[in-house]
Protein backbone atom coordinates (compact mmCIF):
# COMPACT_ATOMS: atom_id res chain seq x y z
CA MET A 1 -1.86 3.29 -45.04
CA LEU A 2 -0.22 0.39 -43.25
CA LYS A 3 -2.21 -1.96 -41.05
CA PRO A 4 -0.49 -3.67 -38.10
CA SER A 5 0.18 -7.32 -38.87
CA PRO A 6 -1.88 -9.64 -36.64
CA GLU A 7 1.21 -11.87 -36.33
CA GLY A 8 3.11 -9.11 -34.50
CA HIS A 9 5.75 -8.79 -37.22
CA GLY A 10 5.93 -8.44 -40.97
CA THR A 11 4.02 -5.18 -41.45
CA HIS A 12 6.98 -3.86 -43.46
CA THR A 13 6.20 -6.38 -46.22
CA GLN A 14 3.17 -4.20 -47.08
CA LEU A 15 5.76 -1.71 -48.37
CA GLY A 16 7.19 -4.32 -50.75
CA LEU A 17 10.17 -5.10 -48.50
CA PRO A 18 11.32 -8.71 -48.06
CA ALA A 19 10.60 -10.73 -44.94
CA CYS A 20 13.16 -10.57 -42.13
CA GLY A 21 16.10 -12.88 -42.77
CA SER A 22 16.27 -13.88 -39.11
CA VAL A 23 12.64 -15.05 -39.20
CA ALA A 24 13.09 -16.78 -42.56
CA PHE A 25 16.25 -18.68 -41.56
CA PHE A 26 15.86 -19.22 -37.83
CA GLY A 27 12.17 -18.63 -37.10
CA ARG A 28 13.32 -16.15 -34.45
CA PRO A 29 13.10 -12.35 -34.31
CA CYS A 30 15.99 -9.95 -34.89
CA PRO A 31 16.26 -6.88 -32.60
CA GLY A 32 14.16 -4.85 -35.04
CA CYS A 33 11.44 -7.43 -35.69
CA GLY A 34 8.07 -5.98 -34.87
CA LEU A 35 9.15 -2.31 -34.92
CA THR A 36 7.15 -1.42 -38.04
CA THR A 37 4.15 -3.26 -36.62
CA SER A 38 4.62 -1.53 -33.27
CA TRP A 39 4.97 1.92 -34.82
CA THR A 40 1.94 1.35 -37.06
CA ALA A 41 -0.12 0.14 -34.11
CA THR A 42 1.01 3.19 -32.09
CA LEU A 43 -0.20 5.49 -34.87
CA HIS A 44 -3.53 3.63 -34.89
CA GLY A 45 -3.83 4.07 -31.11
CA GLN A 46 -3.50 0.31 -30.48
CA LEU A 47 -0.93 0.53 -27.69
CA ASP A 48 -1.51 -3.03 -26.47
CA THR A 49 -0.79 -4.37 -29.97
CA ALA A 50 2.21 -2.06 -30.25
CA PHE A 51 3.68 -3.35 -26.99
CA ARG A 52 3.08 -7.00 -27.92
CA ALA A 53 4.78 -6.51 -31.30
CA HIS A 54 7.88 -4.89 -29.77
CA ALA A 55 8.16 -3.80 -26.14
CA LEU A 56 10.40 -0.83 -27.03
CA GLY A 57 8.52 0.18 -30.18
CA THR A 58 6.36 2.98 -28.78
CA PHE A 59 9.28 4.41 -26.79
CA LEU A 60 11.56 4.37 -29.86
CA TYR A 61 8.79 5.92 -31.97
CA LEU A 62 8.56 8.80 -29.50
CA VAL A 63 12.36 9.23 -29.43
CA PHE A 64 12.61 9.28 -33.23
CA THR A 65 9.64 11.66 -33.54
CA PHE A 66 11.10 14.04 -30.94
CA SER A 67 14.47 13.92 -32.73
CA ALA A 68 12.86 14.69 -36.08
CA PHE A 69 11.00 17.69 -34.67
CA ALA A 70 14.13 18.92 -32.86
CA CYS A 71 16.09 18.73 -36.13
CA LEU A 72 13.29 20.48 -38.02
CA VAL A 73 13.24 23.32 -35.48
CA GLY A 74 17.03 23.54 -35.73
CA TYR A 75 16.80 23.74 -39.51
CA LEU A 76 14.06 26.37 -39.50
CA THR A 77 15.90 28.52 -36.94
CA GLN A 78 19.23 27.84 -38.67
CA ARG A 79 20.73 26.48 -35.47
CA ARG A 80 22.80 23.33 -35.46
CA PHE A 81 21.42 20.43 -33.45
CA ASN A 82 23.94 19.89 -30.65
CA ASP A 83 24.63 16.17 -30.78
CA ARG A 84 27.27 16.48 -28.05
CA TYR A 85 24.71 17.56 -25.48
CA ARG A 86 25.19 14.94 -22.75
CA PRO A 87 21.51 14.06 -22.12
CA VAL A 88 21.00 13.43 -25.85
CA ALA A 89 24.09 11.23 -26.03
CA VAL A 90 23.03 9.28 -22.93
CA MET A 91 19.48 8.82 -24.29
CA PHE A 92 20.83 7.57 -27.62
CA ALA A 93 23.27 5.17 -25.95
CA LEU A 94 20.62 3.80 -23.58
CA SER A 95 18.15 3.35 -26.44
CA LEU A 96 20.70 1.47 -28.54
CA PHE A 97 21.87 -0.66 -25.61
CA SER A 98 18.26 -1.49 -24.65
CA LEU A 99 17.38 -2.45 -28.22
CA VAL A 100 20.36 -4.80 -28.53
CA ILE A 101 19.84 -6.47 -25.13
CA TYR A 102 16.09 -6.82 -25.74
CA GLY A 103 16.79 -8.25 -29.21
CA VAL A 104 19.27 -10.84 -27.95
CA ILE A 105 16.97 -11.97 -25.14
CA ARG A 106 13.98 -12.14 -27.46
CA PHE A 107 15.95 -14.08 -30.09
CA PHE A 108 16.45 -16.93 -27.63
CA LEU A 109 13.01 -16.80 -25.99
CA VAL A 110 10.68 -16.32 -28.99
CA LYS A 111 10.13 -18.84 -31.79
CA TYR A 112 7.67 -18.07 -34.56
CA PRO A 113 5.78 -21.30 -35.30
CA GLY A 114 6.08 -22.73 -38.79
CA GLN A 115 8.95 -20.45 -39.80
CA GLY A 116 12.68 -20.88 -40.01
CA ALA A 117 14.65 -23.66 -41.61
CA LEU A 118 17.73 -23.80 -39.39
CA LEU A 119 16.56 -23.79 -35.76
């Protein structure tokens, strides 16, 4: 079972994955930095930690969970998930746009102390 990293990022390294290249090279977060920590904190009921790790983490966790259940229901009922349904397409586009904008803003505003060789 994963434990949310107290640093707000890096929980994924508990799975044997390498550290984020953006943090290693620049000392700054990529758009996805903190998502694993946020999702893990959400599952532990630590919503304040989840929000601090990644402001969109809990929202994206709920979107991905809903999508997984919708696909499972579609599979079990042998009905194709309609990916051209306008509200689904709009929700996906807004989620992706929000993640990119949040990531760019956070890249320039957040610096992880003691990390990054280039900036």
